[in-house]
């Protein structure tokens, strides 16, 4: 019997950026927006509509969940909801990064042959 493989559909750019932002720390919504902007060196600015719409779908898909963490020491606001990756979210991120590495390898191979 063949081993069942777990395949992940390609992620939207917004979902990829949110997963990357949450890959190193739990963050609240504004913190995710700022991390996405930092990760993209200012090229991606995610508004609240895109962020929270994507996060709602990601929670339904169990890629992320609300964290128990509530207070940001810098902001001191206990109303902020923090989010964290789930195991499925980390697996989806790893699968997407593997897919990107494959695309880059193909592109680099073709460019090398074109010169």
PDB file of N, CA and C in Angstrom:
ATOM      1  N   UNK A   1       0.838  -1.167   0.000  1.00  0.00           N
ATOM      2  CA  UNK A   1       0.000   0.000   0.000  1.00  0.00           C
ATOM      3  C   UNK A   1       0.892   1.243   0.000  1.00  0.00           C
ATOM      4  N   UNK A   2       0.553   2.187  -0.862  1.00  0.00           N
ATOM      5  CA  UNK A   2       1.348   3.410  -0.971  1.00  0.00           C
ATOM      6  C   UNK A   2       1.141   4.280   0.256  1.00  0.00           C
ATOM      7  N   UNK A   3       2.201   4.936   0.628  1.00  0.00           N
ATOM      8  CA  UNK A   3       2.138   5.846   1.772  1.00  0.00           C
ATOM      9  C   UNK A   3       1.358   7.091   1.371  1.00  0.00           C
ATOM     10  N   UNK A   4       0.396   7.467   2.170  1.00  0.00           N
ATOM     11  CA  UNK A   4      -0.417   8.639   1.873  1.00  0.00           C
ATOM     12  C   UNK A   4       0.423   9.895   2.090  1.00  0.00           C
ATOM     13  N   UNK A   5       0.467  10.747   1.065  1.00  0.00           N
ATOM     14  CA  UNK A   5       1.235  11.981   1.209  1.00  0.00           C
ATOM     15  C   UNK A   5       0.291  13.129   1.522  1.00  0.00           C
ATOM     16  N   UNK A   6       0.795  14.057   2.277  1.00  0.00           N
ATOM     17  CA  UNK A   6       0.011  15.231   2.599  1.00  0.00           C
ATOM     18  C   UNK A   6       0.380  16.310   1.599  1.00  0.00           C
ATOM     19  N   UNK A   7      -0.587  16.729   0.802  1.00  0.00           N
ATOM     20  CA  UNK A   7      -0.302  17.786  -0.154  1.00  0.00           C
ATOM     21  C   UNK A   7      -1.007  19.050   0.308  1.00  0.00           C
ATOM     22  N   UNK A   8      -0.374  20.137   0.038  1.00  0.00           N
ATOM     23  CA  UNK A   8      -0.923  21.427   0.410  1.00  0.00           C
ATOM     24  C   UNK A   8      -1.119  22.240  -0.857  1.00  0.00           C
ATOM     25  N   UNK A   9      -2.282  22.842  -0.987  1.00  0.00           N
ATOM     26  CA  UNK A   9      -2.541  23.719  -2.122  1.00  0.00           C
ATOM     27  C   UNK A   9      -1.632  24.939  -2.016  1.00  0.00           C
ATOM     28  N   UNK A  10      -1.298  25.528  -3.151  1.00  0.00           N
ATOM     29  CA  UNK A  10      -0.494  26.756  -3.082  1.00  0.00           C
ATOM     30  C   UNK A  10      -1.209  27.803  -2.223  1.00  0.00           C
ATOM     31  N   UNK A  11      -0.425  28.575  -1.525  1.00  0.00           N
ATOM     32  CA  UNK A  11      -0.961  29.603  -0.638  1.00  0.00           C
ATOM     33  C   UNK A  11      -1.072  30.931  -1.376  1.00  0.00           C
ATOM     34  N   UNK A  12      -2.031  31.744  -0.978  1.00  0.00           N
ATOM     35  CA  UNK A  12      -2.100  33.094  -1.528  1.00  0.00           C
ATOM     36  C   UNK A  12      -0.925  33.891  -0.949  1.00  0.00           C
ATOM     37  N   UNK A  13      -0.508  34.960  -1.618  1.00  0.00           N
ATOM     38  CA  UNK A  13       0.581  35.773  -1.062  1.00  0.00           C
ATOM     39  C   UNK A  13       0.266  36.276   0.350  1.00  0.00           C
ATOM     40  N   UNK A  14      -0.966  36.693   0.608  1.00  0.00           N
ATOM     41  CA  UNK A  14      -1.312  37.199   1.944  1.00  0.00           C
ATOM     42  C   UNK A  14      -1.136  36.109   2.995  1.00  0.00           C
ATOM     43  N   UNK A  15      -1.617  34.911   2.706  1.00  0.00           N
ATOM     44  CA  UNK A  15      -1.500  33.806   3.665  1.00  0.00           C
ATOM     45  C   UNK A  15      -0.033  33.459   3.885  1.00  0.00           C
ATOM     46  N   UNK A  16       0.757  33.424   2.827  1.00  0.00           N
ATOM     47  CA  UNK A  16       2.184  33.135   2.962  1.00  0.00           C
ATOM     48  C   UNK A  16       2.855  34.157   3.876  1.00  0.00           C
ATOM     49  N   UNK A  17       2.572  35.431   3.656  1.00  0.00           N
ATOM     50  CA  UNK A  17       3.177  36.482   4.484  1.00  0.00           C
ATOM     51  C   UNK A  17       2.743  36.375   5.942  1.00  0.00           C
ATOM     52  N   UNK A  18       1.485  36.055   6.185  1.00  0.00           N
ATOM     53  CA  UNK A  18       1.001  35.921   7.565  1.00  0.00           C
ATOM     54  C   UNK A  18       1.670  34.731   8.240  1.00  0.00           C
ATOM     55  N   UNK A  19       1.767  33.604   7.542  1.00  0.00           N
ATOM     56  CA  UNK A  19       2.436  32.435   8.119  1.00  0.00           C
ATOM     57  C   UNK A  19       3.902  32.745   8.425  1.00  0.00           C
ATOM     58  N   UNK A  20       4.566  33.439   7.516  1.00  0.00           N
ATOM     59  CA  UNK A  20       5.966  33.820   7.766  1.00  0.00           C
ATOM     60  C   UNK A  20       6.077  34.720   8.990  1.00  0.00           C
ATOM     61  N   UNK A  21       5.152  35.667   9.112  1.00  0.00           N
ATOM     62  CA  UNK A  21       5.190  36.589  10.256  1.00  0.00           C
ATOM     63  C   UNK A  21       4.991  35.852  11.570  1.00  0.00           C
ATOM     64  N   UNK A  22       4.203  34.786  11.541  1.00  0.00           N
ATOM     65  CA  UNK A  22       3.932  34.028  12.765  1.00  0.00           C
ATOM     66  C   UNK A  22       4.918  32.882  12.986  1.00  0.00           C
ATOM     67  N   UNK A  23       5.840  32.684  12.057  1.00  0.00           N
ATOM     68  CA  UNK A  23       6.745  31.530  12.155  1.00  0.00           C
ATOM     69  C   UNK A  23       7.767  31.665  13.281  1.00  0.00           C
ATOM     70  N   UNK A  24       8.020  32.892  13.735  1.00  0.00           N
ATOM     71  CA  UNK A  24       9.036  33.072  14.768  1.00  0.00           C
ATOM     72  C   UNK A  24       8.475  33.533  16.107  1.00  0.00           C
ATOM     73  N   UNK A  25       7.235  34.026  16.108  1.00  0.00           N
ATOM     74  CA  UNK A  25       6.660  34.526  17.363  1.00  0.00           C
ATOM     75  C   UNK A  25       5.152  34.669  17.248  1.00  0.00           C
ATOM     76  N   UNK A  26       4.483  34.605  18.379  1.00  0.00           N
ATOM     77  CA  UNK A  26       3.054  34.903  18.430  1.00  0.00           C
ATOM     78  C   UNK A  26       2.919  36.409  18.260  1.00  0.00           C
ATOM     79  N   UNK A  27       1.918  36.836  17.507  1.00  0.00           N
ATOM     80  CA  UNK A  27       1.742  38.265  17.264  1.00  0.00           C
ATOM     81  C   UNK A  27       0.251  38.607  17.230  1.00  0.00           C
ATOM     82  N   UNK A  28      -0.043  39.870  17.518  1.00  0.00           N
ATOM     83  CA  UNK A  28      -1.405  40.364  17.355  1.00  0.00           C
ATOM     84  C   UNK A  28      -1.514  40.949  15.949  1.00  0.00           C
ATOM     85  N   UNK A  29      -2.730  41.320  15.539  1.00  0.00           N
ATOM     86  CA  UNK A  29      -2.958  41.767  14.165  1.00  0.00           C
ATOM     87  C   UNK A  29      -2.035  42.877  13.704  1.00  0.00           C
ATOM     88  N   UNK A  30      -1.922  43.944  14.488  1.00  0.00           N
ATOM     89  CA  UNK A  30      -1.065  45.060  14.102  1.00  0.00           C
ATOM     90  C   UNK A  30       0.389  44.600  14.019  1.00  0.00           C
ATOM     91  N   UNK A  31       0.795  43.733  14.942  1.00  0.00           N
ATOM     92  CA  UNK A  31       2.152  43.195  14.916  1.00  0.00           C
ATOM     93  C   UNK A  31       2.412  42.378  13.660  1.00  0.00           C
ATOM     94  N   UNK A  32       1.406  41.637  13.205  1.00  0.00           N
ATOM     95  CA  UNK A  32       1.541  40.860  11.957  1.00  0.00           C
ATOM     96  C   UNK A  32       1.713  41.820  10.782  1.00  0.00           C
ATOM     97  N   UNK A  33       0.869  42.868  10.735  1.00  0.00           N
ATOM     98  CA  UNK A  33       0.975  43.843   9.634  1.00  0.00           C
ATOM     99  C   UNK A  33       2.370  44.469   9.592  1.00  0.00           C
ATOM    100  N   UNK A  34       2.902  44.848  10.750  1.00  0.00           N
ATOM    101  CA  UNK A  34       4.225  45.467  10.807  1.00  0.00           C
ATOM    102  C   UNK A  34       5.321  44.470  10.415  1.00  0.00           C
ATOM    103  N   UNK A  35       5.176  43.201  10.829  1.00  0.00           N
ATOM    104  CA  UNK A  35       6.175  42.189  10.482  1.00  0.00           C
ATOM    105  C   UNK A  35       6.168  41.908   8.986  1.00  0.00           C
ATOM    106  N   UNK A  36       4.988  41.848   8.379  1.00  0.00           N
ATOM    107  CA  UNK A  36       4.886  41.631   6.926  1.00  0.00           C
ATOM    108  C   UNK A  36       5.585  42.774   6.190  1.00  0.00           C
ATOM    109  N   UNK A  37       5.341  43.986   6.649  1.00  0.00           N
ATOM    110  CA  UNK A  37       5.981  45.142   6.028  1.00  0.00           C
ATOM    111  C   UNK A  37       7.504  45.062   6.175  1.00  0.00           C
ATOM    112  N   UNK A  38       7.970  44.677   7.355  1.00  0.00           N
ATOM    113  CA  UNK A  38       9.420  44.544   7.589  1.00  0.00           C
ATOM    114  C   UNK A  38      10.009  43.410   6.753  1.00  0.00           C
ATOM    115  N   UNK A  39       9.327  42.257   6.739  1.00  0.00           N
ATOM    116  CA  UNK A  39       9.827  41.103   5.976  1.00  0.00           C
ATOM    117  C   UNK A  39       9.957  41.422   4.492  1.00  0.00           C
ATOM    118  N   UNK A  40       9.038  42.239   3.973  1.00  0.00           N
ATOM    119  CA  UNK A  40       9.028  42.555   2.538  1.00  0.00           C
ATOM    120  C   UNK A  40       9.801  43.842   2.237  1.00  0.00           C
ATOM    121  N   UNK A  41      10.493  44.367   3.235  1.00  0.00           N
ATOM    122  CA  UNK A  41      11.256  45.613   3.102  1.00  0.00           C
ATOM    123  C   UNK A  41      10.379  46.741   2.571  1.00  0.00           C
ATOM    124  N   UNK A  42       9.128  46.787   3.084  1.00  0.00           N
ATOM    125  CA  UNK A  42       8.204  47.855   2.739  1.00  0.00           C
ATOM    126  C   UNK A  42       7.427  47.666   1.451  1.00  0.00           C
ATOM    127  N   UNK A  43       7.686  46.561   0.738  1.00  0.00           N
ATOM    128  CA  UNK A  43       7.015  46.338  -0.553  1.00  0.00           C
ATOM    129  C   UNK A  43       5.588  45.837  -0.382  1.00  0.00           C
ATOM    130  N   UNK A  44       5.289  45.172   0.734  1.00  0.00           N
ATOM    131  CA  UNK A  44       3.943  44.660   0.985  1.00  0.00           C
ATOM    132  C   UNK A  44       3.387  45.358   2.212  1.00  0.00           C
ATOM    133  N   UNK A  45       2.277  46.050   2.006  1.00  0.00           N
ATOM    134  CA  UNK A  45       1.575  46.695   3.115  1.00  0.00           C
ATOM    135  C   UNK A  45       0.190  46.078   3.148  1.00  0.00           C
ATOM    136  N   UNK A  46      -0.071  45.323   4.186  1.00  0.00           N
ATOM    137  CA  UNK A  46      -1.320  44.599   4.302  1.00  0.00           C
ATOM    138  C   UNK A  46      -2.298  45.409   5.139  1.00  0.00           C
ATOM    139  N   UNK A  47      -3.437  45.719   4.564  1.00  0.00           N
ATOM    140  CA  UNK A  47      -4.454  46.453   5.297  1.00  0.00           C
ATOM    141  C   UNK A  47      -5.268  45.541   6.195  1.00  0.00           C
ATOM    142  N   UNK A  48      -6.060  46.122   7.090  1.00  0.00           N
ATOM    143  CA  UNK A  48      -6.856  45.322   8.025  1.00  0.00           C
ATOM    144  C   UNK A  48      -7.842  44.385   7.333  1.00  0.00           C
ATOM    145  N   UNK A  49      -8.453  44.817   6.235  1.00  0.00           N
ATOM    146  CA  UNK A  49      -9.419  43.962   5.535  1.00  0.00           C
ATOM    147  C   UNK A  49      -8.779  42.686   5.017  1.00  0.00           C
ATOM    148  N   UNK A  50      -7.639  42.839   4.351  1.00  0.00           N
ATOM    149  CA  UNK A  50      -6.908  41.674   3.828  1.00  0.00           C
ATOM    150  C   UNK A  50      -6.418  40.800   4.979  1.00  0.00           C
ATOM    151  N   UNK A  51      -5.840  41.437   5.987  1.00  0.00           N
ATOM    152  CA  UNK A  51      -5.287  40.695   7.118  1.00  0.00           C
ATOM    153  C   UNK A  51      -6.363  39.866   7.822  1.00  0.00           C
ATOM    154  N   UNK A  52      -7.408  40.523   8.271  1.00  0.00           N
ATOM    155  CA  UNK A  52      -8.396  39.813   9.079  1.00  0.00           C
ATOM    156  C   UNK A  52      -9.265  38.870   8.251  1.00  0.00           C
ATOM    157  N   UNK A  53      -9.496  39.189   6.969  1.00  0.00           N
ATOM    158  CA  UNK A  53     -10.209  38.251   6.093  1.00  0.00           C
ATOM    159  C   UNK A  53      -9.396  36.977   5.891  1.00  0.00           C
ATOM    160  N   UNK A  54      -8.104  37.155   5.633  1.00  0.00           N
ATOM    161  CA  UNK A  54      -7.207  36.000   5.450  1.00  0.00           C
ATOM    162  C   UNK A  54      -7.105  35.197   6.740  1.00  0.00           C
ATOM    163  N   UNK A  55      -6.962  35.896   7.863  1.00  0.00           N
ATOM    164  CA  UNK A  55      -6.796  35.199   9.137  1.00  0.00           C
ATOM    165  C   UNK A  55      -8.065  34.412   9.512  1.00  0.00           C
ATOM    166  N   UNK A  56      -9.226  34.947   9.184  1.00  0.00           N
ATOM    167  CA  UNK A  56     -10.478  34.223   9.458  1.00  0.00           C
ATOM    168  C   UNK A  56     -10.480  32.894   8.693  1.00  0.00           C
ATOM    169  N   UNK A  57     -10.117  32.957   7.404  1.00  0.00           N
ATOM    170  CA  UNK A  57     -10.059  31.723   6.601  1.00  0.00           C
ATOM    171  C   UNK A  57      -8.967  30.784   7.117  1.00  0.00           C
ATOM    172  N   UNK A  58      -7.842  31.350   7.560  1.00  0.00           N
ATOM    173  CA  UNK A  58      -6.749  30.532   8.078  1.00  0.00           C
ATOM    174  C   UNK A  58      -7.147  29.834   9.379  1.00  0.00           C
ATOM    175  N   UNK A  59      -7.928  30.511  10.201  1.00  0.00           N
ATOM    176  CA  UNK A  59      -8.398  29.887  11.441  1.00  0.00           C
ATOM    177  C   UNK A  59      -9.383  28.761  11.123  1.00  0.00           C
ATOM    178  N   UNK A  60     -10.253  29.003  10.143  1.00  0.00           N
ATOM    179  CA  UNK A  60     -11.204  27.958   9.731  1.00  0.00           C
ATOM    180  C   UNK A  60     -10.468  26.743   9.178  1.00  0.00           C
ATOM    181  N   UNK A  61      -9.366  26.974   8.484  1.00  0.00           N
ATOM    182  CA  UNK A  61      -8.547  25.892   7.927  1.00  0.00           C
ATOM    183  C   UNK A  61      -7.578  25.320   8.956  1.00  0.00           C
ATOM    184  N   UNK A  62      -7.588  25.859  10.165  1.00  0.00           N
ATOM    185  CA  UNK A  62      -6.736  25.429  11.275  1.00  0.00           C
ATOM    186  C   UNK A  62      -5.242  25.600  11.000  1.00  0.00           C
ATOM    187  N   UNK A  63      -4.910  26.656  10.244  1.00  0.00           N
ATOM    188  CA  UNK A  63      -3.502  26.973  10.004  1.00  0.00           C
ATOM    189  C   UNK A  63      -2.946  27.831  11.135  1.00  0.00           C
ATOM    190  N   UNK A  64      -3.819  28.619  11.750  1.00  0.00           N
ATOM    191  CA  UNK A  64      -3.445  29.446  12.895  1.00  0.00           C
ATOM    192  C   UNK A  64      -4.536  29.319  13.953  1.00  0.00           C
ATOM    193  N   UNK A  65      -4.206  29.751  15.154  1.00  0.00           N
ATOM    194  CA  UNK A  65      -5.196  29.769  16.241  1.00  0.00           C
ATOM    195  C   UNK A  65      -4.887  30.942  17.157  1.00  0.00           C
ATOM    196  N   UNK A  66      -5.878  31.277  17.968  1.00  0.00           N
ATOM    197  CA  UNK A  66      -5.647  32.305  18.978  1.00  0.00           C
ATOM    198  C   UNK A  66      -4.720  31.737  20.027  1.00  0.00           C
ATOM    199  N   UNK A  67      -3.807  32.565  20.474  1.00  0.00           N
ATOM    200  CA  UNK A  67      -2.863  32.184  21.517  1.00  0.00           C
ATOM    201  C   UNK A  67      -3.455  32.537  22.875  1.00  0.00           C
ATOM    202  N   UNK A  68      -2.897  31.987  23.918  1.00  0.00           N
ATOM    203  CA  UNK A  68      -3.309  32.346  25.275  1.00  0.00           C
ATOM    204  C   UNK A  68      -2.688  33.669  25.706  1.00  0.00           C
ATOM    205  N   UNK A  69      -1.650  34.104  24.981  1.00  0.00           N
ATOM    206  CA  UNK A  69      -0.957  35.345  25.324  1.00  0.00           C
ATOM    207  C   UNK A  69      -1.920  36.519  25.103  1.00  0.00           C
ATOM    208  N   UNK A  70      -1.911  37.484  26.005  1.00  0.00           N
ATOM    209  CA  UNK A  70      -2.846  38.600  25.874  1.00  0.00           C
ATOM    210  C   UNK A  70      -2.215  39.983  25.994  1.00  0.00           C
ATOM    211  N   UNK A  71      -1.142  40.134  26.718  1.00  0.00           N
ATOM    212  CA  UNK A  71      -0.628  41.479  26.962  1.00  0.00           C
ATOM    213  C   UNK A  71       0.707  41.690  26.253  1.00  0.00           C
ATOM    214  N   UNK A  72       0.765  42.754  25.457  1.00  0.00           N
ATOM    215  CA  UNK A  72       1.998  43.156  24.805  1.00  0.00           C
ATOM    216  C   UNK A  72       2.702  44.109  25.774  1.00  0.00           C
ATOM    217  N   UNK A  73       3.889  43.730  26.280  1.00  0.00           N
ATOM    218  CA  UNK A  73       4.568  44.589  27.249  1.00  0.00           C
ATOM    219  C   UNK A  73       4.809  46.006  26.726  1.00  0.00           C
ATOM    220  N   UNK A  74       5.016  46.149  25.409  1.00  0.00           N
ATOM    221  CA  UNK A  74       5.254  47.476  24.844  1.00  0.00           C
ATOM    222  C   UNK A  74       3.963  48.284  24.730  1.00  0.00           C
ATOM    223  N   UNK A  75       2.859  47.622  24.445  1.00  0.00           N
ATOM    224  CA  UNK A  75       1.596  48.325  24.236  1.00  0.00           C
ATOM    225  C   UNK A  75       0.720  48.292  25.495  1.00  0.00           C
ATOM    226  N   UNK A  76       0.937  47.294  26.354  1.00  0.00           N
ATOM    227  CA  UNK A  76       0.177  47.107  27.588  1.00  0.00           C
ATOM    228  C   UNK A  76      -1.324  47.157  27.335  1.00  0.00           C
ATOM    229  N   UNK A  77      -1.769  46.349  26.367  1.00  0.00           N
ATOM    230  CA  UNK A  77      -3.186  46.317  26.019  1.00  0.00           C
ATOM    231  C   UNK A  77      -3.670  44.876  26.059  1.00  0.00           C
ATOM    232  N   UNK A  78      -4.412  44.536  27.096  1.00  0.00           N
ATOM    233  CA  UNK A  78      -4.845  43.144  27.258  1.00  0.00           C
ATOM    234  C   UNK A  78      -5.963  42.748  26.311  1.00  0.00           C
ATOM    235  N   UNK A  79      -6.525  43.705  25.551  1.00  0.00           N
ATOM    236  CA  UNK A  79      -7.586  43.356  24.606  1.00  0.00           C
ATOM    237  C   UNK A  79      -7.024  42.764  23.322  1.00  0.00           C
ATOM    238  N   UNK A  80      -5.770  42.957  23.062  1.00  0.00           N
ATOM    239  CA  UNK A  80      -5.188  42.447  21.820  1.00  0.00           C
ATOM    240  C   UNK A  80      -5.241  40.922  21.802  1.00  0.00           C
ATOM    241  N   UNK A  81      -5.646  40.391  20.666  1.00  0.00           N
ATOM    242  CA  UNK A  81      -5.678  38.939  20.491  1.00  0.00           C
ATOM    243  C   UNK A  81      -4.415  38.546  19.741  1.00  0.00           C
ATOM    244  N   UNK A  82      -3.695  37.602  20.298  1.00  0.00           N
ATOM    245  CA  UNK A  82      -2.480  37.087  19.673  1.00  0.00           C
ATOM    246  C   UNK A  82      -2.807  35.814  18.915  1.00  0.00           C
ATOM    247  N   UNK A  83      -2.036  35.572  17.867  1.00  0.00           N
ATOM    248  CA  UNK A  83      -2.221  34.394  17.024  1.00  0.00           C
ATOM    249  C   UNK A  83      -0.912  33.637  16.942  1.00  0.00           C
ATOM    250  N   UNK A  84      -1.038  32.329  16.727  1.00  0.00           N
ATOM    251  CA  UNK A  84       0.138  31.476  16.582  1.00  0.00           C
ATOM    252  C   UNK A  84      -0.113  30.440  15.505  1.00  0.00           C
ATOM    253  N   UNK A  85       0.970  29.920  14.945  1.00  0.00           N
ATOM    254  CA  UNK A  85       0.872  28.843  13.965  1.00  0.00           C
ATOM    255  C   UNK A  85       0.429  27.560  14.643  1.00  0.00           C
ATOM    256  N   UNK A  86      -0.311  26.750  13.912  1.00  0.00           N
ATOM    257  CA  UNK A  86      -0.598  25.393  14.356  1.00  0.00           C
ATOM    258  C   UNK A  86       0.393  24.472  13.637  1.00  0.00           C
ATOM    259  N   UNK A  87       0.374  23.203  13.966  1.00  0.00           N
ATOM    260  CA  UNK A  87       1.220  22.245  13.241  1.00  0.00           C
ATOM    261  C   UNK A  87       0.877  22.233  11.764  1.00  0.00           C
ATOM    262  N   UNK A  88      -0.413  22.315  11.443  1.00  0.00           N
ATOM    263  CA  UNK A  88      -0.850  22.332  10.038  1.00  0.00           C
ATOM    264  C   UNK A  88      -0.363  23.599   9.343  1.00  0.00           C
ATOM    265  N   UNK A  89      -0.352  24.710  10.074  1.00  0.00           N
ATOM    266  CA  UNK A  89       0.135  25.959   9.504  1.00  0.00           C
ATOM    267  C   UNK A  89       1.617  25.895   9.196  1.00  0.00           C
ATOM    268  N   UNK A  90       2.384  25.318  10.116  1.00  0.00           N
ATOM    269  CA  UNK A  90       3.830  25.179   9.886  1.00  0.00           C
ATOM    270  C   UNK A  90       4.079  24.233   8.704  1.00  0.00           C
ATOM    271  N   UNK A  91       3.306  23.146   8.604  1.00  0.00           N
ATOM    272  CA  UNK A  91       3.464  22.206   7.487  1.00  0.00           C
ATOM    273  C   UNK A  91       3.111  22.876   6.159  1.00  0.00           C
ATOM    274  N   UNK A  92       2.065  23.688   6.150  1.00  0.00           N
ATOM    275  CA  UNK A  92       1.676  24.396   4.926  1.00  0.00           C
ATOM    276  C   UNK A  92       2.763  25.381   4.510  1.00  0.00           C
ATOM    277  N   UNK A  93       3.345  26.081   5.477  1.00  0.00           N
ATOM    278  CA  UNK A  93       4.429  27.022   5.187  1.00  0.00           C
ATOM    279  C   UNK A  93       5.639  26.279   4.630  1.00  0.00           C
ATOM    280  N   UNK A  94       6.010  25.172   5.250  1.00  0.00           N
ATOM    281  CA  UNK A  94       7.161  24.397   4.773  1.00  0.00           C
ATOM    282  C   UNK A  94       6.912  23.854   3.364  1.00  0.00           C
ATOM    283  N   UNK A  95       5.686  23.395   3.089  1.00  0.00           N
ATOM    284  CA  UNK A  95       5.357  22.887   1.751  1.00  0.00           C
ATOM    285  C   UNK A  95       5.442  24.000   0.716  1.00  0.00           C
ATOM    286  N   UNK A  96       4.971  25.191   1.082  1.00  0.00           N
ATOM    287  CA  UNK A  96       5.016  26.327   0.149  1.00  0.00           C
ATOM    288  C   UNK A  96       6.457  26.741  -0.122  1.00  0.00           C
ATOM    289  N   UNK A  97       7.286  26.775   0.907  1.00  0.00           N
ATOM    290  CA  UNK A  97       8.688  27.139   0.717  1.00  0.00           C
ATOM    291  C   UNK A  97       9.399  26.102  -0.157  1.00  0.00           C
ATOM    292  N   UNK A  98       9.062  24.829   0.017  1.00  0.00           N
ATOM    293  CA  UNK A  98       9.632  23.775  -0.829  1.00  0.00           C
ATOM    294  C   UNK A  98       9.208  23.981  -2.287  1.00  0.00           C
ATOM    295  N   UNK A  99       7.948  24.342  -2.493  1.00  0.00           N
ATOM    296  CA  UNK A  99       7.432  24.593  -3.840  1.00  0.00           C
ATOM    297  C   UNK A  99       8.183  25.777  -4.468  1.00  0.00           C
ATOM    298  N   UNK A 100       8.386  26.835  -3.692  1.00  0.00           N
ATOM    299  CA  UNK A 100       9.110  28.007  -4.201  1.00  0.00           C
ATOM    300  C   UNK A 100      10.542  27.637  -4.559  1.00  0.00           C
ATOM    301  N   UNK A 101      11.206  26.832  -3.702  1.00  0.00           N
ATOM    302  CA  UNK A 101      12.590  26.425  -4.005  1.00  0.00           C
ATOM    303  C   UNK A 101      12.642  25.649  -5.322  1.00  0.00           C
ATOM    304  N   UNK A 102      11.637  24.813  -5.568  1.00  0.00           N
ATOM    305  CA  UNK A 102      11.581  24.058  -6.820  1.00  0.00           C
ATOM    306  C   UNK A 102      11.428  24.974  -8.023  1.00  0.00           C
ATOM    307  N   UNK A 103      10.578  25.966  -7.914  1.00  0.00           N
ATOM    308  CA  UNK A 103      10.371  26.923  -9.004  1.00  0.00           C
ATOM    309  C   UNK A 103      11.658  27.709  -9.269  1.00  0.00           C
ATOM    310  N   UNK A 104      12.312  28.137  -8.208  1.00  0.00           N
ATOM    311  CA  UNK A 104      13.562  28.892  -8.355  1.00  0.00           C
ATOM    312  C   UNK A 104      14.628  28.014  -9.023  1.00  0.00           C
ATOM    313  N   UNK A 105      14.720  26.756  -8.643  1.00  0.00           N
ATOM    314  CA  UNK A 105      15.713  25.853  -9.246  1.00  0.00           C
ATOM    315  C   UNK A 105      15.467  25.694 -10.749  1.00  0.00           C
ATOM    316  N   UNK A 106      14.213  25.525 -11.140  1.00  0.00           N
ATOM    317  CA  UNK A 106      13.874  25.403 -12.564  1.00  0.00           C
ATOM    318  C   UNK A 106      14.241  26.693 -13.296  1.00  0.00           C
ATOM    319  N   UNK A 107      13.862  27.828 -12.729  1.00  0.00           N
ATOM    320  CA  UNK A 107      14.143  29.118 -13.369  1.00  0.00           C
ATOM    321  C   UNK A 107      15.645  29.353 -13.515  1.00  0.00           C
ATOM    322  N   UNK A 108      16.397  29.056 -12.458  1.00  0.00           N
ATOM    323  CA  UNK A 108      17.849  29.250 -12.528  1.00  0.00           C
ATOM    324  C   UNK A 108      18.477  28.329 -13.567  1.00  0.00           C
ATOM    325  N   UNK A 109      17.984  27.103 -13.665  1.00  0.00           N
ATOM    326  CA  UNK A 109      18.492  26.175 -14.671  1.00  0.00           C
ATOM    327  C   UNK A 109      18.240  26.678 -16.078  1.00  0.00           C
ATOM    328  N   UNK A 110      17.063  27.190 -16.299  1.00  0.00           N
ATOM    329  CA  UNK A 110      16.733  27.716 -17.639  1.00  0.00           C
ATOM    330  C   UNK A 110      17.534  28.959 -17.958  1.00  0.00           C
ATOM    331  N   UNK A 111      17.699  29.840 -16.986  1.00  0.00           N
ATOM    332  CA  UNK A 111      18.476  31.051 -17.230  1.00  0.00           C
ATOM    333  C   UNK A 111      19.943  30.720 -17.521  1.00  0.00           C
ATOM    334  N   UNK A 112      20.473  29.720 -16.811  1.00  0.00           N
ATOM    335  CA  UNK A 112      21.865  29.324 -17.033  1.00  0.00           C
ATOM    336  C   UNK A 112      22.058  28.773 -18.449  1.00  0.00           C
ATOM    337  N   UNK A 113      21.063  28.008 -18.933  1.00  0.00           N
ATOM    338  CA  UNK A 113      21.158  27.451 -20.295  1.00  0.00           C
ATOM    339  C   UNK A 113      20.952  28.517 -21.371  1.00  0.00           C
ATOM    340  N   UNK A 114      20.250  29.595 -21.026  1.00  0.00           N
ATOM    341  CA  UNK A 114      19.967  30.655 -22.003  1.00  0.00           C
ATOM    342  C   UNK A 114      21.191  31.524 -22.274  1.00  0.00           C
ATOM    343  N   UNK A 115      22.162  31.491 -21.393  1.00  0.00           N
ATOM    344  CA  UNK A 115      23.334  32.355 -21.573  1.00  0.00           C
ATOM    345  C   UNK A 115      24.426  31.616 -22.240  1.00  0.00           C
TER     346      UNK A 115
END
